[in-house]
Amino acid sequence: MRWRSSRSWSRLWPSGWRWRCSWPGSTTSPGPRPSTTSRPSDLAIDLLATHRLTRLVTADVLTQSARDRLVGWSYRQRGWTEDDTDIEPASGWADYAQVDPTAPKLATLLTCRWCASVYLGAAVVAARRWLPGWGYVATALAASSAAALLAAMEDD
C-alpha cells in the first residue's frame, strides 16, 4: 500500500518522492531501492575490465606459474600416470594444453580466451550488481586494459 504525499508537502520534497507504508507481507519496502540500471560508461568500463581479467587468467606472465600448476593438476586428475606428468613439457603445461585437442576442461578454461571470458564476464556483471566498491576496481582494470591496447598500437 502506498500513500502519496499531500500537495502542501510536494513543495518541500523533490518530485517523485512518495511516502511508503510497509504492511506485514507487503512487497514494498521503505527507503530507496538499489538501481538496476547502469550508465553506458559503466558498460564500457566493465567490458575493458572483462578483457583485462581474461588476459590475466589466460595469457599474462604474472599468472603463468599458477596457470601451469593448475593445468598440470588437471592432467593428473584426468588419470595421467606419475611417469607422464613428471616429464613437464618444455614450454609449460598451459602452452601444451593450448595445442592438445584432448585437454581437460579446466585446462581449456584456463588457456582459452573465449571460454574464460564468458565466465569472467558473468562475474564482472555480478560484481557490478552486488559489490559496492566494484566501480573502483573495474576502473583500474579498464585503465590497465586500455593502456595495453594502446601500447599494442604504438610503433617502437
Protein backbone atom coordinates (compact mmCIF):
# COMPACT_ATOMS: atom_id res chain seq x y z
CA MET A 1 0.00 0.00 0.00
CA ARG A 2 1.46 3.38 -0.98
CA TRP A 3 0.46 6.79 0.24
CA ARG A 4 1.22 9.85 -1.81
CA SER A 5 2.41 13.00 -0.16
CA SER A 6 -0.08 15.80 0.08
CA ARG A 7 0.12 18.92 -2.09
CA SER A 8 1.48 21.04 0.75
CA TRP A 9 4.40 18.67 1.16
CA SER A 10 5.11 18.46 -2.56
CA ARG A 11 6.78 21.87 -2.48
CA LEU A 12 9.16 20.73 0.27
CA TRP A 13 10.06 17.33 -1.13
CA PRO A 14 11.64 16.63 -4.54
CA SER A 15 9.22 15.40 -7.16
CA GLY A 16 8.85 11.67 -7.40
CA TRP A 17 9.22 11.01 -3.65
CA ARG A 18 6.42 9.04 -2.12
CA TRP A 19 5.50 8.21 1.41
CA ARG A 20 5.63 4.47 1.72
CA CYS A 21 3.78 2.34 4.20
CA SER A 22 5.04 -1.16 4.77
CA TRP A 23 2.50 -3.69 5.98
CA PRO A 24 3.43 -7.24 7.01
CA GLY A 25 3.58 -9.33 3.88
CA SER A 26 3.76 -6.24 1.67
CA THR A 27 6.03 -6.32 -1.37
CA THR A 28 7.06 -2.71 -0.98
CA SER A 29 9.87 -1.77 1.35
CA PRO A 30 10.56 1.63 2.85
CA GLY A 31 13.52 3.54 1.53
CA PRO A 32 15.21 3.72 -1.83
CA ARG A 33 15.72 0.64 -3.91
CA PRO A 34 19.11 -0.09 -5.43
CA SER A 35 19.37 0.99 -9.02
CA THR A 36 19.39 -1.82 -11.56
CA THR A 37 20.20 0.47 -14.45
CA SER A 38 23.74 1.28 -15.39
CA ARG A 39 25.30 4.05 -17.38
CA PRO A 40 26.92 3.46 -20.77
CA SER A 41 30.26 4.35 -19.22
CA ASP A 42 29.81 1.50 -16.71
CA LEU A 43 29.27 -0.88 -19.60
CA ALA A 44 32.44 0.29 -21.33
CA ILE A 45 34.42 0.02 -18.10
CA ASP A 46 33.09 -3.47 -17.43
CA LEU A 47 33.91 -4.58 -20.98
CA LEU A 48 37.50 -3.43 -20.58
CA ALA A 49 37.68 -4.95 -17.09
CA THR A 50 36.49 -8.28 -18.51
CA HIS A 51 39.15 -8.02 -21.21
CA ARG A 52 41.87 -7.40 -18.63
CA LEU A 53 40.72 -10.21 -16.33
CA THR A 54 40.57 -12.60 -19.28
CA ARG A 55 44.11 -11.72 -20.29
CA LEU A 56 45.23 -12.03 -16.67
CA VAL A 57 43.77 -15.54 -16.33
CA THR A 58 44.69 -16.94 -19.76
CA ALA A 59 47.85 -15.26 -21.02
CA ASP A 60 49.56 -12.95 -18.51
CA VAL A 61 53.12 -13.62 -17.43
CA LEU A 62 52.20 -12.78 -13.82
CA THR A 63 49.87 -15.78 -13.57
CA GLN A 64 51.92 -18.20 -15.73
CA SER A 65 53.23 -20.33 -12.86
CA ALA A 66 49.82 -20.66 -11.20
CA ARG A 67 48.22 -21.45 -14.55
CA ASP A 68 50.86 -24.13 -15.27
CA ARG A 69 50.31 -25.71 -11.84
CA LEU A 70 46.52 -25.81 -12.29
CA VAL A 71 46.74 -27.20 -15.82
CA GLY A 72 49.25 -29.84 -14.70
CA TRP A 73 46.93 -30.73 -11.81
CA SER A 74 44.01 -31.10 -14.21
CA TYR A 75 46.03 -33.51 -16.37
CA ARG A 76 46.92 -35.56 -13.27
CA GLN A 77 43.26 -35.64 -12.18
CA ARG A 78 42.27 -36.90 -15.60
CA GLY A 79 44.29 -40.01 -14.99
CA TRP A 80 47.77 -39.46 -16.30
CA THR A 81 50.32 -41.64 -14.59
CA GLU A 82 53.09 -40.13 -12.48
CA ASP A 83 55.62 -41.06 -15.17
CA ASP A 84 53.75 -38.98 -17.74
CA THR A 85 53.36 -35.91 -15.53
CA ASP A 86 56.93 -35.95 -14.24
CA ILE A 87 58.03 -35.05 -17.74
CA GLU A 88 56.83 -31.49 -17.93
CA PRO A 89 56.51 -30.05 -21.44
CA ALA A 90 59.38 -27.71 -22.30
CA SER A 91 57.03 -24.78 -22.95
CA GLY A 92 54.93 -25.42 -19.83
CA TRP A 93 51.63 -27.11 -19.20
CA ALA A 94 49.49 -24.17 -20.28
CA ASP A 95 51.16 -23.97 -23.70
CA TYR A 96 50.85 -27.72 -24.07
CA ALA A 97 47.13 -27.60 -23.27
CA GLN A 98 46.54 -24.98 -25.97
CA VAL A 99 47.60 -27.37 -28.73
CA ASP A 100 46.25 -30.57 -27.14
CA PRO A 101 42.81 -31.37 -28.63
CA THR A 102 42.07 -33.74 -25.72
CA ALA A 103 42.99 -31.32 -22.92
CA PRO A 104 40.96 -31.49 -19.70
CA LYS A 105 38.13 -28.97 -19.42
CA LEU A 106 39.83 -27.00 -16.65
CA ALA A 107 42.97 -26.73 -18.74
CA THR A 108 40.92 -25.49 -21.69
CA LEU A 109 39.13 -22.97 -19.49
CA LEU A 110 42.44 -21.59 -18.20
CA THR A 111 44.03 -21.30 -21.65
CA CYS A 112 41.14 -20.40 -23.98
CA ARG A 113 40.30 -16.69 -24.01
CA TRP A 114 36.86 -17.19 -25.49
CA CYS A 115 35.97 -19.82 -22.88
CA ALA A 116 37.23 -17.86 -19.89
CA SER A 117 35.70 -14.55 -20.97
CA VAL A 118 32.14 -15.91 -20.67
CA TYR A 119 32.60 -16.81 -17.01
CA LEU A 120 34.67 -13.75 -16.17
CA GLY A 121 32.11 -11.51 -17.88
CA ALA A 122 29.36 -13.05 -15.74
CA ALA A 123 31.49 -12.45 -12.64
CA VAL A 124 32.01 -8.80 -13.63
CA VAL A 125 28.25 -8.31 -14.11
CA ALA A 126 27.59 -9.89 -10.70
CA ALA A 127 30.28 -7.74 -9.10
CA ARG A 128 28.79 -4.57 -10.61
CA ARG A 129 25.40 -5.52 -9.18
CA TRP A 130 26.33 -6.72 -5.70
CA LEU A 131 29.78 -5.39 -4.70
CA PRO A 132 29.66 -1.75 -3.58
CA GLY A 133 33.30 -0.90 -4.36
CA TRP A 134 33.44 -2.68 -7.71
CA GLY A 135 33.44 0.56 -9.68
CA TYR A 136 36.91 1.47 -8.42
CA VAL A 137 38.36 -1.97 -9.14
CA ALA A 138 36.73 -2.09 -12.57
CA THR A 139 38.07 1.36 -13.42
CA ALA A 140 41.62 0.30 -12.53
CA LEU A 141 41.29 -2.89 -14.60
CA ALA A 142 39.81 -0.91 -17.51
CA ALA A 143 42.65 1.61 -17.40
CA SER A 144 45.17 -1.22 -17.48
CA SER A 145 43.39 -2.84 -20.40
CA ALA A 146 43.13 0.42 -22.34
CA ALA A 147 46.82 1.13 -21.76
CA ALA A 148 47.77 -2.33 -23.03
CA LEU A 149 45.58 -1.99 -26.11
CA LEU A 150 47.01 1.43 -26.90
CA ALA A 151 50.58 0.24 -26.33
CA ALA A 152 49.99 -2.57 -28.82
CA MET A 153 49.24 0.05 -31.50
CA GLU A 154 52.46 2.02 -30.96
CA ASP A 155 55.35 1.77 -33.36
CA ASP A 156 58.51 1.40 -31.30
